[in-house]
Amino acid sequence: MKKLFGWISLLTMALFPAQPAAAFCGFYVAKADASLFNNASQVVLARHENKTVITMANDYQGDLKEFAMVVPVPEVLKKEQIHIANQKDIDHLDAYTAPRLVEYHDRNPCEEIAFMYEEAVIGGRGARGFGGAGDGIKRKELGVKIEAAYTVGEYDILVLSAKESGGLVKWLEMNDYKIPKNADQVLESYIKQDTKFFVAKINLEEQAKAGFTKLRPLSMAFETPKFMLPIRLGTVNANGPQDLIIYTLSPKGRVETTNYRTVKLPSGEELPPYIKKEFKPFYKDMFATSVQKEEMKAVFLEYAWDMGWCDPCAADPLSKKQLVELGAYWELPEKDHKETGLRKRRDSINTYVTRLHVRYTGEKFPDDLKFQSTGNRDNFQSRYVLRHPYTGDDQCEEMAPYRKRVQERREKEMVTLAGLTGWTMDTIRPKSLLPFEEVDLQKPKPRLPWYQRIWGD
């Protein structure tokens, strides 16, 4: 039996069954990418005016004969509106926008400091296989119409319209698609909005000719006044919460959700340096704690930045060619998009990227995601700071107060870490010992004579 993907199944690929420092400087040491989260889906959403390009990453694992997807779309798409994208471009965008750690190293407190700031170091044929010879009659009886049929790369694609959800469900079941219970209720809501359905499955012959072993991402371009992303189909029989990472590209500025709150994740917090080796469990638990605090009713902002630069850089910014491939058509040469009315310098990058992360269920997110492009170009990134104390054995008058400050700083770092993750202090403290505390524990100080304990030296 073939299995039906909802729109969000494309996205999730879940089958239905105390020293001052210059801001944003330091050594980049680690990142948290989409692979951190099980079954996390990725979608790139490029949008300007009413033009939208959606690119859906595909990490399907299993028998390709059983792969299929169903995506609600606002119009009947022509073949030239469908495109095979490059997974490497999405991976690059993921790396560029990923939450990251940075680290600093304290100076020797015994040395003369000639300045009061920390120096920054940045380290054309129809699709085949959709039904048998008698399918045309059945489709008419069921109110299902094939509006278009294409083969694009390794995908056979149909664009369907339907008069009512029961007929659409029946037609899909007749063509060996397994429909989850209650899917007709969600499909009916789209049909009432005159939504079309983009249905794709694998053309094994074409895939064999191309020599690809993994499914490539699919892009589709269309015009619509609605800036939104349908997610409800994928929640019909999802097994638990799903993670969705949305990368939006816009020439204007930050993108935010309008029907759910957009919340910034904690950023800039100072953490014990041992987190460098445990960044993945830290970030997963920090995100889970943030979701819990918001009662799973918010979309989280992980990154918002002008694509022309980054600081610190988890990866190089994407090239114009890569951005255009992902739908940022405004980055084409001036002669290719005069009608857009965009003005930009010849060699400049004019794309602003926003990374949103949402964990959701059908109960907590009963509506599709709706967005707006804002003029806000303020930079934001999920960034966490590690400060390493000076560990030399120099001795001077400043060393004792410095170590006291470091101990106070470390205590604050541990409390912050516990608050962000829900970890206990008993778990955190043994991993957060300072180097000179470890020395003190291993080499107890000699006991002074009684008269020195009274009168000192």
Foldseek 3Di string as FASTA:
>chain_A
DAAEAELCCLFLVFTQVPAAEDPLFAEWQDFDFQVLDHSGGEWEWEDDQQKIKIKTFHPHDDDQVRDKYKYWDADDADPVQKAFFAVVLVVQVRLQATATEGEAEDDDLPDDDPDRYDDGDLNDDFFDLQDDPPLVVLCVVLQKDFPGWDDYQFKTKTKIAGPALVSVVVSCVNSVYDADPPLRVVVRVSNVVVIIMIMIGGNVVRCVVVVDPDGTMMMGMDGDNFAFRDDQSNQRRDDAKYKGKYKYKYLAFDKAWDVFAEAEQDAPAEAFPVCSVVVSLLVVLLVVVVCVVVVLGYKYWAWKAQLQDHRNGSHHRDALVSVVSSPNVVSPACVVPVVSVDDDDRRGRRMMITMIMGIDHCVNDVGTTGMDGDNDRDTDHRYYYYYAYDDDPDDDPVVVVSVVVVVVVNVVNLVVSCVSRVDDSVVVVVSRDHPVNVVCVVDPDDDDPPVCVVVND
